[in-house]
Amino acid sequence: MTRVLLACALGLAGALLGMAAGLPAPALLGSTLLVGAASIAQVPLAVPDGPRNLAFATIGCSLGSGITPHFVDDLARWPVSLALLALAVVTIMVVSTLILVKGFGQEPEDAVLATAPGALSYALALAVSRRRDLQSIMVFQTLRLMAITLTLPPVLQLVGEPGQFWSGLSDAVVPYAAALPTLAVAFAAGTLGARRGMPAAHLLAGMLASGALHVTGVVEGRFPPLLMLCGFAVTGAVVGVRFGKITFADLRRLAGASATVIATSVTLSALFALAAARAAHIPFGQAWVAFAPGGVEAMAAMGLALGYDPAFVATHHLLRIVLVILILPLLVARARRWI
C-alpha cells in the first residue's frame, strides 16, 4: 500500500510541477518524469490495476466530452486517415522487424513482438506463450513508450500547429452530480470488457459513456478539471513506474537497436501523419499524436492535454490496437517465412 500511495503522490506532485513549469501536456509529462526518476532511483513504487483502470476510465470520460453532436459529420473526413493508419501500422512493424533481424541479429519472432506498436500486454502474453525472449521484448517496448511520451509533446510544440479543439467548445464544466456516476458506469463497464479481452477497455468504456451523454445533449462541457488532473497524474505514474524495470545492462545491450527502431517508427509515423493531415485538412500535430506508436491511453491523454480533437485521436489509436491484435499472431507465426 505504501508503494501505491507514494507512486500516486509523486504522480500528483509531478503533474502540479509540470503545470507550474509550463511543460507541454504538463500533468501527463510532469507525472511521468517525476515518477520515472524515482523509479530509476529504485524507489519502491507500484500502480495496481484498480487505480490504473480508474485513471484510464477518467481519461476516456474526458475524451468522450469532446464528442459533440457534429461527431457523425466529422467521421466523413476520416476514412482516408484511418486507411493510412492501417498502412502505417503494417509498414512500421515490417520495416522495424527487418532492421532488428538484419541489422542487429534479433530472432524474427522476438523482433515482431518487440516492434508491435501498442498492445504491450498482448505482445508480452504472446511472448510468454511462445517462450520468446521476454526481457528483450519488454526493454524494446518500454524504451519506445518512454521515448515517445517524453519527446513528442515538446517536438509538437516546435513543429505542430497548436490544438484549438477545446477553445471552440463551451466553457461549461460537467457537474460532479453527472460526472461521478458516468465515471462509475465507465469503470464497471470497462472492468467487464477487460475480463472479456477487450483492448483498452476502460478508456473505451469511458469514452462511450461520456460521449453518449454529450452527443445526445444530455450534458455539455468538459469533464471536471480536478478529475482530469488525477487521471493524467496516475496515467503518467503508470508509464513512469516502468522505467525502473530497465537495467543498465539491458540498456548497454539493446540501446543501439532500440534507438534505431524508435527513430524509424517515429519518422514513419510522422510521414504517414503528414499525408493524413493534408488529406483530412487537420493540424499535423493532431495527426501525429493519432499515428504515434505509443500506448493508447498515454497518446489519448496527450492529445487531450495538447488540445487536439479527442475523438479523432482516440478513434485512430483504438483502431491501431485492434489491428495489432488481429495481425500480430499471424506475423509471429510466419516470421521466419517472410523475413
C-alpha atoms as a PDB file:
ATOM      1  CA  MET A   1       0.000   0.000   0.000  1.00  0.00           C
ATOM      2  CA  THR A   2       2.888   2.372   0.792  1.00  0.00           C
ATOM      3  CA  ARG A   3       4.322   1.868  -2.704  1.00  0.00           C
ATOM      4  CA  VAL A   4       0.947   2.685  -4.259  1.00  0.00           C
ATOM      5  CA  LEU A   5       0.380   5.819  -2.186  1.00  0.00           C
ATOM      6  CA  LEU A   6       3.909   7.026  -2.892  1.00  0.00           C
ATOM      7  CA  ALA A   7       3.538   6.475  -6.637  1.00  0.00           C
ATOM      8  CA  CYS A   8       0.232   8.359  -6.720  1.00  0.00           C
ATOM      9  CA  ALA A   9       1.596  11.174  -4.543  1.00  0.00           C
ATOM     10  CA  LEU A  10       4.659  11.567  -6.758  1.00  0.00           C
ATOM     11  CA  GLY A  11       2.441  11.461  -9.828  1.00  0.00           C
ATOM     12  CA  LEU A  12       0.237  14.249  -8.496  1.00  0.00           C
ATOM     13  CA  ALA A  13       3.258  16.299  -7.413  1.00  0.00           C
ATOM     14  CA  GLY A  14       4.839  15.829 -10.827  1.00  0.00           C
ATOM     15  CA  ALA A  15       1.618  16.869 -12.541  1.00  0.00           C
ATOM     16  CA  LEU A  16       1.447  20.075 -10.495  1.00  0.00           C
ATOM     17  CA  LEU A  17       5.133  20.809 -11.094  1.00  0.00           C
ATOM     18  CA  GLY A  18       4.652  20.237 -14.815  1.00  0.00           C
ATOM     19  CA  MET A  19       1.802  22.724 -14.844  1.00  0.00           C
ATOM     20  CA  ALA A  20       3.845  25.268 -12.889  1.00  0.00           C
ATOM     21  CA  ALA A  21       6.797  24.832 -15.260  1.00  0.00           C
ATOM     22  CA  GLY A  22       4.617  25.274 -18.339  1.00  0.00           C
ATOM     23  CA  LEU A  23       5.505  21.903 -19.868  1.00  0.00           C
ATOM     24  CA  PRO A  24       3.546  20.682 -22.890  1.00  0.00           C
ATOM     25  CA  ALA A  25       0.917  18.136 -21.771  1.00  0.00           C
ATOM     26  CA  PRO A  26       2.035  19.259 -18.285  1.00  0.00           C
ATOM     27  CA  ALA A  27       0.179  16.890 -15.971  1.00  0.00           C
ATOM     28  CA  LEU A  28       0.992  13.791 -18.023  1.00  0.00           C
ATOM     29  CA  LEU A  29       4.615  14.695 -18.763  1.00  0.00           C
ATOM     30  CA  GLY A  30       5.351  16.062 -15.286  1.00  0.00           C
ATOM     31  CA  SER A  31       3.993  12.943 -13.619  1.00  0.00           C
ATOM     32  CA  THR A  32       5.912  10.664 -15.989  1.00  0.00           C
ATOM     33  CA  LEU A  33       9.198  12.489 -15.379  1.00  0.00           C
ATOM     34  CA  LEU A  34       8.999  12.610 -11.574  1.00  0.00           C
ATOM     35  CA  VAL A  35       7.763   9.038 -11.116  1.00  0.00           C
ATOM     36  CA  GLY A  36      10.220   7.824 -13.754  1.00  0.00           C
ATOM     37  CA  ALA A  37      13.142   9.482 -11.965  1.00  0.00           C
ATOM     38  CA  ALA A  38      12.100   7.916  -8.663  1.00  0.00           C
ATOM     39  CA  SER A  39      11.679   4.541 -10.329  1.00  0.00           C
ATOM     40  CA  ILE A  40      15.142   4.706 -11.905  1.00  0.00           C
ATOM     41  CA  ALA A  41      16.498   5.550  -8.440  1.00  0.00           C
ATOM     42  CA  GLN A  42      14.946   2.255  -7.278  1.00  0.00           C
ATOM     43  CA  VAL A  43      12.324   3.872  -5.057  1.00  0.00           C
ATOM     44  CA  PRO A  44       9.734   1.106  -4.491  1.00  0.00           C
ATOM     45  CA  LEU A  45       6.656   2.184  -6.446  1.00  0.00           C
ATOM     46  CA  ALA A  46       3.575   0.448  -7.802  1.00  0.00           C
ATOM     47  CA  VAL A  47       0.339   1.366  -9.536  1.00  0.00           C
ATOM     48  CA  PRO A  48      -2.069  -1.603  -9.268  1.00  0.00           C
ATOM     49  CA  ASP A  49      -4.874  -2.382 -11.670  1.00  0.00           C
ATOM     50  CA  GLY A  50      -7.597  -0.553  -9.729  1.00  0.00           C
ATOM     51  CA  PRO A  51      -6.143   2.983  -9.730  1.00  0.00           C
ATOM     52  CA  ARG A  52      -4.702   2.467 -13.204  1.00  0.00           C
ATOM     53  CA  ASN A  53      -8.034   1.438 -14.682  1.00  0.00           C
ATOM     54  CA  LEU A  54      -9.888   4.220 -12.870  1.00  0.00           C
ATOM     55  CA  ALA A  55      -7.438   6.721 -14.367  1.00  0.00           C
ATOM     56  CA  PHE A  56      -7.935   5.246 -17.833  1.00  0.00           C
ATOM     57  CA  ALA A  57     -11.720   5.452 -17.401  1.00  0.00           C
ATOM     58  CA  THR A  58     -11.336   9.099 -16.371  1.00  0.00           C
ATOM     59  CA  ILE A  59      -9.263   9.841 -19.469  1.00  0.00           C
ATOM     60  CA  GLY A  60     -11.931   8.080 -21.527  1.00  0.00           C
ATOM     61  CA  CYS A  61     -14.692  10.201 -19.985  1.00  0.00           C
ATOM     62  CA  SER A  62     -12.668  13.315 -20.742  1.00  0.00           C
ATOM     63  CA  LEU A  63     -12.255  12.191 -24.345  1.00  0.00           C
ATOM     64  CA  GLY A  64     -15.966  11.496 -24.584  1.00  0.00           C
ATOM     65  CA  SER A  65     -16.785  15.061 -23.615  1.00  0.00           C
ATOM     66  CA  GLY A  66     -15.321  16.113 -26.945  1.00  0.00           C
ATOM     67  CA  ILE A  67     -17.815  14.027 -28.922  1.00  0.00           C
ATOM     68  CA  THR A  68     -20.201  16.771 -29.937  1.00  0.00           C
ATOM     69  CA  PRO A  69     -23.451  16.439 -31.923  1.00  0.00           C
ATOM     70  CA  HIS A  70     -21.285  17.117 -35.015  1.00  0.00           C
ATOM     71  CA  PHE A  71     -19.258  13.931 -34.420  1.00  0.00           C
ATOM     72  CA  VAL A  72     -21.009  11.883 -37.132  1.00  0.00           C
ATOM     73  CA  ASP A  73     -20.340  14.629 -39.673  1.00  0.00           C
ATOM     74  CA  ASP A  74     -16.677  14.642 -38.671  1.00  0.00           C
ATOM     75  CA  LEU A  75     -16.388  10.894 -39.318  1.00  0.00           C
ATOM     76  CA  ALA A  76     -16.899  11.542 -43.023  1.00  0.00           C
ATOM     77  CA  ARG A  77     -13.492  13.257 -43.087  1.00  0.00           C
ATOM     78  CA  TRP A  78     -11.598  10.351 -41.545  1.00  0.00           C
ATOM     79  CA  PRO A  79     -11.740   7.289 -43.855  1.00  0.00           C
ATOM     80  CA  VAL A  80      -8.547   8.286 -45.674  1.00  0.00           C
ATOM     81  CA  SER A  81      -6.613   8.879 -42.461  1.00  0.00           C
ATOM     82  CA  LEU A  82      -7.876   5.601 -40.967  1.00  0.00           C
ATOM     83  CA  ALA A  83      -6.737   3.747 -44.096  1.00  0.00           C
ATOM     84  CA  LEU A  84      -3.354   5.473 -43.890  1.00  0.00           C
ATOM     85  CA  LEU A  85      -3.116   4.454 -40.240  1.00  0.00           C
ATOM     86  CA  ALA A  86      -3.661   0.791 -41.123  1.00  0.00           C
ATOM     87  CA  LEU A  87      -0.922   1.045 -43.747  1.00  0.00           C
ATOM     88  CA  ALA A  88       1.343   2.818 -41.260  1.00  0.00           C
ATOM     89  CA  VAL A  89       0.936   0.076 -38.637  1.00  0.00           C
ATOM     90  CA  VAL A  90       1.942  -2.666 -41.074  1.00  0.00           C
ATOM     91  CA  THR A  91       4.796  -0.623 -42.548  1.00  0.00           C
ATOM     92  CA  ILE A  92       6.259   0.274 -39.151  1.00  0.00           C
ATOM     93  CA  MET A  93       6.143  -3.341 -37.971  1.00  0.00           C
ATOM     94  CA  VAL A  94       7.670  -4.781 -41.147  1.00  0.00           C
ATOM     95  CA  VAL A  95      10.461  -2.203 -41.506  1.00  0.00           C
ATOM     96  CA  SER A  96      11.343  -2.236 -37.789  1.00  0.00           C
ATOM     97  CA  THR A  97      11.383  -6.036 -37.699  1.00  0.00           C
ATOM     98  CA  LEU A  98      13.713  -6.185 -40.699  1.00  0.00           C
ATOM     99  CA  ILE A  99      16.063  -3.693 -39.013  1.00  0.00           C
ATOM    100  CA  LEU A 100      16.245  -5.766 -35.825  1.00  0.00           C
ATOM    101  CA  VAL A 101      16.754  -9.056 -37.660  1.00  0.00           C
ATOM    102  CA  LYS A 102      19.088  -7.984 -40.469  1.00  0.00           C
ATOM    103  CA  GLY A 103      20.918  -5.207 -38.657  1.00  0.00           C
ATOM    104  CA  PHE A 104      21.099  -6.399 -35.052  1.00  0.00           C
ATOM    105  CA  GLY A 105      20.726 -10.181 -35.201  1.00  0.00           C
ATOM    106  CA  GLN A 106      17.467 -10.477 -33.269  1.00  0.00           C
ATOM    107  CA  GLU A 107      15.364 -13.606 -33.675  1.00  0.00           C
ATOM    108  CA  PRO A 108      12.484 -12.976 -36.139  1.00  0.00           C
ATOM    109  CA  GLU A 109       9.707 -13.839 -33.680  1.00  0.00           C
ATOM    110  CA  ASP A 110      11.256 -11.661 -30.951  1.00  0.00           C
ATOM    111  CA  ALA A 111      11.658  -8.791 -33.405  1.00  0.00           C
ATOM    112  CA  VAL A 112       7.998  -8.880 -34.439  1.00  0.00           C
ATOM    113  CA  LEU A 113       6.823  -8.829 -30.827  1.00  0.00           C
ATOM    114  CA  ALA A 114       9.310  -6.101 -29.911  1.00  0.00           C
ATOM    115  CA  THR A 115       8.113  -3.785 -32.682  1.00  0.00           C
ATOM    116  CA  ALA A 116       4.349  -4.158 -32.228  1.00  0.00           C
ATOM    117  CA  PRO A 117       3.192  -0.503 -31.972  1.00  0.00           C
ATOM    118  CA  GLY A 118       0.901  -0.851 -28.981  1.00  0.00           C
ATOM    119  CA  ALA A 119      -0.993  -3.625 -27.167  1.00  0.00           C
ATOM    120  CA  LEU A 120       2.020  -4.235 -24.912  1.00  0.00           C
ATOM    121  CA  SER A 121       0.259  -6.654 -22.572  1.00  0.00           C
ATOM    122  CA  TYR A 122      -0.948  -8.674 -25.558  1.00  0.00           C
ATOM    123  CA  ALA A 123       2.542  -8.790 -27.080  1.00  0.00           C
ATOM    124  CA  LEU A 124       4.019  -9.937 -23.763  1.00  0.00           C
ATOM    125  CA  ALA A 125       1.326 -12.596 -23.378  1.00  0.00           C
ATOM    126  CA  LEU A 126       2.209 -13.942 -26.828  1.00  0.00           C
ATOM    127  CA  ALA A 127       5.894 -13.872 -25.900  1.00  0.00           C
ATOM    128  CA  VAL A 128       5.253 -15.943 -22.779  1.00  0.00           C
ATOM    129  CA  SER A 129       3.053 -18.451 -24.605  1.00  0.00           C
ATOM    130  CA  ARG A 130       5.674 -18.907 -27.334  1.00  0.00           C
ATOM    131  CA  ARG A 131       8.637 -18.889 -24.923  1.00  0.00           C
ATOM    132  CA  ARG A 132      10.340 -15.942 -26.559  1.00  0.00           C
ATOM    133  CA  ASP A 133      12.959 -13.537 -25.108  1.00  0.00           C
ATOM    134  CA  LEU A 134      10.598 -11.708 -22.767  1.00  0.00           C
ATOM    135  CA  GLN A 135      13.227  -9.379 -21.279  1.00  0.00           C
ATOM    136  CA  SER A 136      14.414  -8.030 -24.638  1.00  0.00           C
ATOM    137  CA  ILE A 137      10.861  -7.537 -25.859  1.00  0.00           C
ATOM    138  CA  MET A 138       9.976  -5.665 -22.664  1.00  0.00           C
ATOM    139  CA  VAL A 139      13.036  -3.421 -22.993  1.00  0.00           C
ATOM    140  CA  PHE A 140      12.293  -2.521 -26.623  1.00  0.00           C
ATOM    141  CA  GLN A 141       8.639  -1.812 -25.890  1.00  0.00           C
ATOM    142  CA  THR A 142       9.305   0.176 -22.711  1.00  0.00           C
ATOM    143  CA  LEU A 143      12.014   2.328 -24.294  1.00  0.00           C
ATOM    144  CA  ARG A 144       9.698   3.124 -27.201  1.00  0.00           C
ATOM    145  CA  LEU A 145       6.907   4.144 -24.846  1.00  0.00           C
ATOM    146  CA  MET A 146       9.288   6.246 -22.745  1.00  0.00           C
ATOM    147  CA  ALA A 147      10.848   7.991 -25.723  1.00  0.00           C
ATOM    148  CA  ILE A 148       7.559   8.889 -27.376  1.00  0.00           C
ATOM    149  CA  THR A 149       5.850  10.031 -24.177  1.00  0.00           C
ATOM    150  CA  LEU A 150       8.761  12.262 -23.169  1.00  0.00           C
ATOM    151  CA  THR A 151       9.781  13.725 -26.538  1.00  0.00           C
ATOM    152  CA  LEU A 152       6.609  14.047 -28.583  1.00  0.00           C
ATOM    153  CA  PRO A 153       4.991  16.945 -26.645  1.00  0.00           C
ATOM    154  CA  PRO A 154       7.998  19.310 -26.902  1.00  0.00           C
ATOM    155  CA  VAL A 155       8.592  18.349 -30.536  1.00  0.00           C
ATOM    156  CA  LEU A 156       4.944  19.024 -31.348  1.00  0.00           C
ATOM    157  CA  GLN A 157       5.203  22.356 -29.606  1.00  0.00           C
ATOM    158  CA  LEU A 158       8.003  23.266 -32.011  1.00  0.00           C
ATOM    159  CA  VAL A 159       6.690  21.875 -35.303  1.00  0.00           C
ATOM    160  CA  GLY A 160       2.984  21.181 -34.868  1.00  0.00           C
ATOM    161  CA  GLU A 161       0.086  23.544 -35.162  1.00  0.00           C
ATOM    162  CA  PRO A 162      -1.383  24.239 -31.703  1.00  0.00           C
ATOM    163  CA  GLY A 163      -4.551  22.387 -30.823  1.00  0.00           C
ATOM    164  CA  GLN A 164      -7.612  24.617 -30.772  1.00  0.00           C
ATOM    165  CA  PHE A 165     -10.339  21.999 -30.307  1.00  0.00           C
ATOM    166  CA  TRP A 166     -11.292  22.778 -26.721  1.00  0.00           C
ATOM    167  CA  SER A 167     -11.170  26.555 -27.214  1.00  0.00           C
ATOM    168  CA  GLY A 168     -14.034  26.242 -29.682  1.00  0.00           C
ATOM    169  CA  LEU A 169     -16.316  24.494 -27.207  1.00  0.00           C
ATOM    170  CA  SER A 170     -18.415  25.764 -24.367  1.00  0.00           C
ATOM    171  CA  ASP A 171     -16.573  26.765 -21.193  1.00  0.00           C
ATOM    172  CA  ALA A 172     -19.126  24.780 -19.196  1.00  0.00           C
ATOM    173  CA  VAL A 173     -17.924  22.003 -16.894  1.00  0.00           C
ATOM    174  CA  VAL A 174     -19.890  18.808 -16.387  1.00  0.00           C
ATOM    175  CA  PRO A 175     -21.236  18.900 -12.802  1.00  0.00           C
ATOM    176  CA  TYR A 176     -19.934  16.290 -10.382  1.00  0.00           C
ATOM    177  CA  ALA A 177     -23.502  15.025  -9.967  1.00  0.00           C
ATOM    178  CA  ALA A 178     -23.280  13.813 -13.575  1.00  0.00           C
ATOM    179  CA  ALA A 179     -19.527  13.210 -13.848  1.00  0.00           C
ATOM    180  CA  LEU A 180     -19.134  10.804 -10.918  1.00  0.00           C
ATOM    181  CA  PRO A 181     -21.992   8.434 -11.928  1.00  0.00           C
ATOM    182  CA  THR A 182     -20.677   8.476 -15.503  1.00  0.00           C
ATOM    183  CA  LEU A 183     -17.216   7.552 -14.250  1.00  0.00           C
ATOM    184  CA  ALA A 184     -18.642   4.764 -12.075  1.00  0.00           C
ATOM    185  CA  VAL A 185     -20.560   3.288 -15.012  1.00  0.00           C
ATOM    186  CA  ALA A 186     -17.472   3.563 -17.220  1.00  0.00           C
ATOM    187  CA  PHE A 187     -15.276   1.815 -14.650  1.00  0.00           C
ATOM    188  CA  ALA A 188     -17.763  -1.032 -14.197  1.00  0.00           C
ATOM    189  CA  ALA A 189     -18.286  -1.468 -17.935  1.00  0.00           C
ATOM    190  CA  GLY A 190     -14.540  -1.298 -18.553  1.00  0.00           C
ATOM    191  CA  THR A 191     -13.889  -3.972 -15.932  1.00  0.00           C
ATOM    192  CA  LEU A 192     -16.424  -6.244 -17.596  1.00  0.00           C
ATOM    193  CA  GLY A 193     -14.934  -5.557 -21.013  1.00  0.00           C
ATOM    194  CA  ALA A 194     -11.401  -6.230 -19.789  1.00  0.00           C
ATOM    195  CA  ARG A 195     -12.467  -9.611 -18.415  1.00  0.00           C
ATOM    196  CA  ARG A 196     -13.725 -10.476 -21.884  1.00  0.00           C
ATOM    197  CA  GLY A 197     -10.458  -9.483 -23.526  1.00  0.00           C
ATOM    198  CA  MET A 198     -11.438  -6.057 -24.886  1.00  0.00           C
ATOM    199  CA  PRO A 199      -8.356  -3.880 -25.611  1.00  0.00           C
ATOM    200  CA  ALA A 200      -8.145  -0.548 -23.755  1.00  0.00           C
ATOM    201  CA  ALA A 201     -11.488  -1.469 -22.191  1.00  0.00           C
ATOM    202  CA  HIS A 202     -11.671   1.227 -19.511  1.00  0.00           C
ATOM    203  CA  LEU A 203     -10.632   4.014 -21.858  1.00  0.00           C
ATOM    204  CA  LEU A 204     -13.175   2.898 -24.443  1.00  0.00           C
ATOM    205  CA  ALA A 205     -15.943   2.494 -21.851  1.00  0.00           C
ATOM    206  CA  GLY A 206     -15.324   5.984 -20.515  1.00  0.00           C
ATOM    207  CA  MET A 207     -15.333   7.472 -23.977  1.00  0.00           C
ATOM    208  CA  LEU A 208     -18.583   5.734 -24.911  1.00  0.00           C
ATOM    209  CA  ALA A 209     -20.374   6.543 -21.640  1.00  0.00           C
ATOM    210  CA  SER A 210     -19.416  10.208 -21.668  1.00  0.00           C
ATOM    211  CA  GLY A 211     -19.718  10.526 -25.434  1.00  0.00           C
ATOM    212  CA  ALA A 212     -23.271   9.181 -25.421  1.00  0.00           C
ATOM    213  CA  LEU A 213     -24.332  11.860 -22.941  1.00  0.00           C
ATOM    214  CA  HIS A 214     -22.621  14.632 -24.888  1.00  0.00           C
ATOM    215  CA  VAL A 215     -23.682  13.638 -28.397  1.00  0.00           C
ATOM    216  CA  THR A 216     -27.325  13.469 -27.292  1.00  0.00           C
ATOM    217  CA  GLY A 217     -27.100  16.805 -25.493  1.00  0.00           C
ATOM    218  CA  VAL A 218     -27.893  15.386 -22.045  1.00  0.00           C
ATOM    219  CA  VAL A 219     -24.784  17.098 -20.670  1.00  0.00           C
ATOM    220  CA  GLU A 220     -22.456  19.728 -22.080  1.00  0.00           C
ATOM    221  CA  GLY A 221     -18.938  20.832 -21.311  1.00  0.00           C
ATOM    222  CA  ARG A 222     -15.602  19.460 -20.218  1.00  0.00           C
ATOM    223  CA  PHE A 223     -15.047  16.790 -17.599  1.00  0.00           C
ATOM    224  CA  PRO A 224     -14.209  18.321 -14.173  1.00  0.00           C
ATOM    225  CA  PRO A 225     -10.597  19.606 -14.175  1.00  0.00           C
ATOM    226  CA  LEU A 226      -9.756  18.001 -10.820  1.00  0.00           C
ATOM    227  CA  LEU A 227     -10.755  14.556 -12.088  1.00  0.00           C
ATOM    228  CA  MET A 228      -8.789  15.127 -15.297  1.00  0.00           C
ATOM    229  CA  LEU A 229      -5.715  16.165 -13.279  1.00  0.00           C
ATOM    230  CA  CYS A 230      -5.904  12.959 -11.232  1.00  0.00           C
ATOM    231  CA  GLY A 231      -6.384  10.885 -14.383  1.00  0.00           C
ATOM    232  CA  PHE A 232      -3.333  12.425 -16.052  1.00  0.00           C
ATOM    233  CA  ALA A 233      -1.233  12.110 -12.880  1.00  0.00           C
ATOM    234  CA  VAL A 234      -1.949   8.395 -12.418  1.00  0.00           C
ATOM    235  CA  THR A 235      -1.529   7.658 -16.141  1.00  0.00           C
ATOM    236  CA  GLY A 236       1.882   9.334 -16.025  1.00  0.00           C
ATOM    237  CA  ALA A 237       2.745   7.292 -12.945  1.00  0.00           C
ATOM    238  CA  VAL A 238       1.822   4.091 -14.795  1.00  0.00           C
ATOM    239  CA  VAL A 239       4.340   4.974 -17.513  1.00  0.00           C
ATOM    240  CA  GLY A 240       6.970   6.198 -15.054  1.00  0.00           C
ATOM    241  CA  VAL A 241       6.913   3.052 -12.908  1.00  0.00           C
ATOM    242  CA  ARG A 242       8.045   1.045 -15.931  1.00  0.00           C
ATOM    243  CA  PHE A 243      11.328   2.955 -16.052  1.00  0.00           C
ATOM    244  CA  GLY A 244      12.647   1.025 -13.077  1.00  0.00           C
ATOM    245  CA  LYS A 245      12.291  -2.300 -14.890  1.00  0.00           C
ATOM    246  CA  ILE A 246      15.152  -1.490 -17.262  1.00  0.00           C
ATOM    247  CA  THR A 247      18.676  -2.231 -16.040  1.00  0.00           C
ATOM    248  CA  PHE A 248      21.859  -0.575 -17.274  1.00  0.00           C
ATOM    249  CA  ALA A 249      22.933  -3.955 -18.627  1.00  0.00           C
ATOM    250  CA  ASP A 250      19.783  -4.038 -20.743  1.00  0.00           C
ATOM    251  CA  LEU A 251      20.481  -0.523 -21.981  1.00  0.00           C
ATOM    252  CA  ARG A 252      24.053  -1.353 -22.971  1.00  0.00           C
ATOM    253  CA  ARG A 253      22.945  -4.483 -24.781  1.00  0.00           C
ATOM    254  CA  LEU A 254      19.971  -3.058 -26.648  1.00  0.00           C
ATOM    255  CA  ALA A 255      20.463   0.717 -26.758  1.00  0.00           C
ATOM    256  CA  GLY A 256      21.643   0.896 -30.367  1.00  0.00           C
ATOM    257  CA  ALA A 257      18.920  -1.345 -31.715  1.00  0.00           C
ATOM    258  CA  SER A 258      16.249   0.402 -29.655  1.00  0.00           C
ATOM    259  CA  ALA A 259      17.321   3.881 -30.747  1.00  0.00           C
ATOM    260  CA  THR A 260      17.338   2.856 -34.404  1.00  0.00           C
ATOM    261  CA  VAL A 261      13.909   1.254 -34.254  1.00  0.00           C
ATOM    262  CA  ILE A 262      12.401   4.129 -32.271  1.00  0.00           C
ATOM    263  CA  ALA A 263      13.765   6.707 -34.717  1.00  0.00           C
ATOM    264  CA  THR A 264      12.490   4.674 -37.653  1.00  0.00           C
ATOM    265  CA  SER A 265       8.999   4.151 -36.242  1.00  0.00           C
ATOM    266  CA  VAL A 266       8.621   7.797 -35.198  1.00  0.00           C
ATOM    267  CA  THR A 267       9.811   9.024 -38.602  1.00  0.00           C
ATOM    268  CA  LEU A 268       7.477   6.693 -40.485  1.00  0.00           C
ATOM    269  CA  SER A 269       4.546   7.670 -38.284  1.00  0.00           C
ATOM    270  CA  ALA A 270       5.315  11.349 -38.936  1.00  0.00           C
ATOM    271  CA  LEU A 271       5.351  10.813 -42.711  1.00  0.00           C
ATOM    272  CA  PHE A 272       2.028   8.981 -42.676  1.00  0.00           C
ATOM    273  CA  ALA A 273       0.618  11.615 -40.311  1.00  0.00           C
ATOM    274  CA  LEU A 274       1.664  14.373 -42.707  1.00  0.00           C
ATOM    275  CA  ALA A 275      -0.199  12.648 -45.532  1.00  0.00           C
ATOM    276  CA  ALA A 276      -3.265  12.200 -43.312  1.00  0.00           C
ATOM    277  CA  ALA A 277      -3.158  15.827 -42.166  1.00  0.00           C
ATOM    278  CA  ARG A 278      -3.196  17.064 -45.734  1.00  0.00           C
ATOM    279  CA  ALA A 279      -5.925  14.641 -46.793  1.00  0.00           C
ATOM    280  CA  ALA A 280      -8.216  15.401 -43.841  1.00  0.00           C
ATOM    281  CA  HIS A 281      -7.321  19.105 -43.515  1.00  0.00           C
ATOM    282  CA  ILE A 282      -6.365  18.799 -39.859  1.00  0.00           C
ATOM    283  CA  PRO A 283      -3.358  20.068 -37.857  1.00  0.00           C
ATOM    284  CA  PHE A 284      -0.217  17.998 -38.399  1.00  0.00           C
ATOM    285  CA  GLY A 285       0.293  17.755 -34.642  1.00  0.00           C
ATOM    286  CA  GLN A 286      -3.144  16.207 -34.203  1.00  0.00           C
ATOM    287  CA  ALA A 287      -2.443  13.633 -36.905  1.00  0.00           C
ATOM    288  CA  TRP A 288       0.985  12.788 -35.468  1.00  0.00           C
ATOM    289  CA  VAL A 289      -0.382  12.172 -31.972  1.00  0.00           C
ATOM    290  CA  ALA A 290      -3.018   9.928 -33.568  1.00  0.00           C
ATOM    291  CA  PHE A 291      -0.384   7.987 -35.564  1.00  0.00           C
ATOM    292  CA  ALA A 292       2.439   7.878 -32.993  1.00  0.00           C
ATOM    293  CA  PRO A 293       3.210   4.282 -31.906  1.00  0.00           C
ATOM    294  CA  GLY A 294       2.846   4.907 -28.169  1.00  0.00           C
ATOM    295  CA  GLY A 295       0.481   3.435 -25.613  1.00  0.00           C
ATOM    296  CA  VAL A 296      -3.147   4.103 -26.481  1.00  0.00           C
ATOM    297  CA  GLU A 297      -4.012   5.565 -23.081  1.00  0.00           C
ATOM    298  CA  ALA A 298      -0.897   7.762 -22.945  1.00  0.00           C
ATOM    299  CA  MET A 299      -1.366   9.013 -26.513  1.00  0.00           C
ATOM    300  CA  ALA A 300      -5.066   9.684 -25.993  1.00  0.00           C
ATOM    301  CA  ALA A 301      -4.223  11.600 -22.825  1.00  0.00           C
ATOM    302  CA  MET A 302      -1.518  13.524 -24.679  1.00  0.00           C
ATOM    303  CA  GLY A 303      -3.873  14.531 -27.475  1.00  0.00           C
ATOM    304  CA  LEU A 304      -6.402  15.657 -24.890  1.00  0.00           C
ATOM    305  CA  ALA A 305      -3.793  17.693 -22.995  1.00  0.00           C
ATOM    306  CA  LEU A 306      -2.460  19.338 -26.168  1.00  0.00           C
ATOM    307  CA  GLY A 307      -5.897  20.489 -27.272  1.00  0.00           C
ATOM    308  CA  TYR A 308      -6.411  18.187 -30.263  1.00  0.00           C
ATOM    309  CA  ASP A 309      -9.738  16.652 -31.278  1.00  0.00           C
ATOM    310  CA  PRO A 310     -10.074  13.812 -28.731  1.00  0.00           C
ATOM    311  CA  ALA A 311     -12.483  11.765 -30.827  1.00  0.00           C
ATOM    312  CA  PHE A 312     -10.062  11.784 -33.779  1.00  0.00           C
ATOM    313  CA  VAL A 313      -7.054  10.815 -31.669  1.00  0.00           C
ATOM    314  CA  ALA A 314      -8.812   8.112 -29.650  1.00  0.00           C
ATOM    315  CA  THR A 315     -10.569   6.569 -32.666  1.00  0.00           C
ATOM    316  CA  HIS A 316      -7.290   6.186 -34.529  1.00  0.00           C
ATOM    317  CA  HIS A 317      -5.446   4.683 -31.560  1.00  0.00           C
ATOM    318  CA  LEU A 318      -8.231   2.212 -30.838  1.00  0.00           C
ATOM    319  CA  LEU A 319      -8.134   1.113 -34.488  1.00  0.00           C
ATOM    320  CA  ARG A 320      -4.360   0.692 -34.192  1.00  0.00           C
ATOM    321  CA  ILE A 321      -4.727  -1.578 -31.162  1.00  0.00           C
ATOM    322  CA  VAL A 322      -7.398  -3.686 -32.868  1.00  0.00           C
ATOM    323  CA  LEU A 323      -5.178  -4.053 -35.955  1.00  0.00           C
ATOM    324  CA  VAL A 324      -2.173  -5.088 -33.867  1.00  0.00           C
ATOM    325  CA  ILE A 325      -4.214  -7.701 -32.009  1.00  0.00           C
ATOM    326  CA  LEU A 326      -5.512  -9.112 -35.290  1.00  0.00           C
ATOM    327  CA  ILE A 327      -2.248  -9.277 -37.241  1.00  0.00           C
ATOM    328  CA  LEU A 328       0.375  -9.891 -34.536  1.00  0.00           C
ATOM    329  CA  PRO A 329      -0.219 -13.663 -34.126  1.00  0.00           C
ATOM    330  CA  LEU A 330      -0.093 -14.112 -37.909  1.00  0.00           C
ATOM    331  CA  LEU A 331       3.151 -12.163 -38.281  1.00  0.00           C
ATOM    332  CA  VAL A 332       4.790 -14.041 -35.395  1.00  0.00           C
ATOM    333  CA  ALA A 333       3.718 -17.447 -36.700  1.00  0.00           C
ATOM    334  CA  ARG A 334       5.101 -16.693 -40.170  1.00  0.00           C
ATOM    335  CA  ALA A 335       8.062 -14.557 -39.133  1.00  0.00           C
ATOM    336  CA  ARG A 336      10.740 -16.908 -40.468  1.00  0.00           C
ATOM    337  CA  ARG A 337       8.952 -17.205 -43.814  1.00  0.00           C
ATOM    338  CA  TRP A 338       8.690 -13.540 -44.738  1.00  0.00           C
ATOM    339  CA  ILE A 339      11.964 -12.274 -43.247  1.00  0.00           C
END
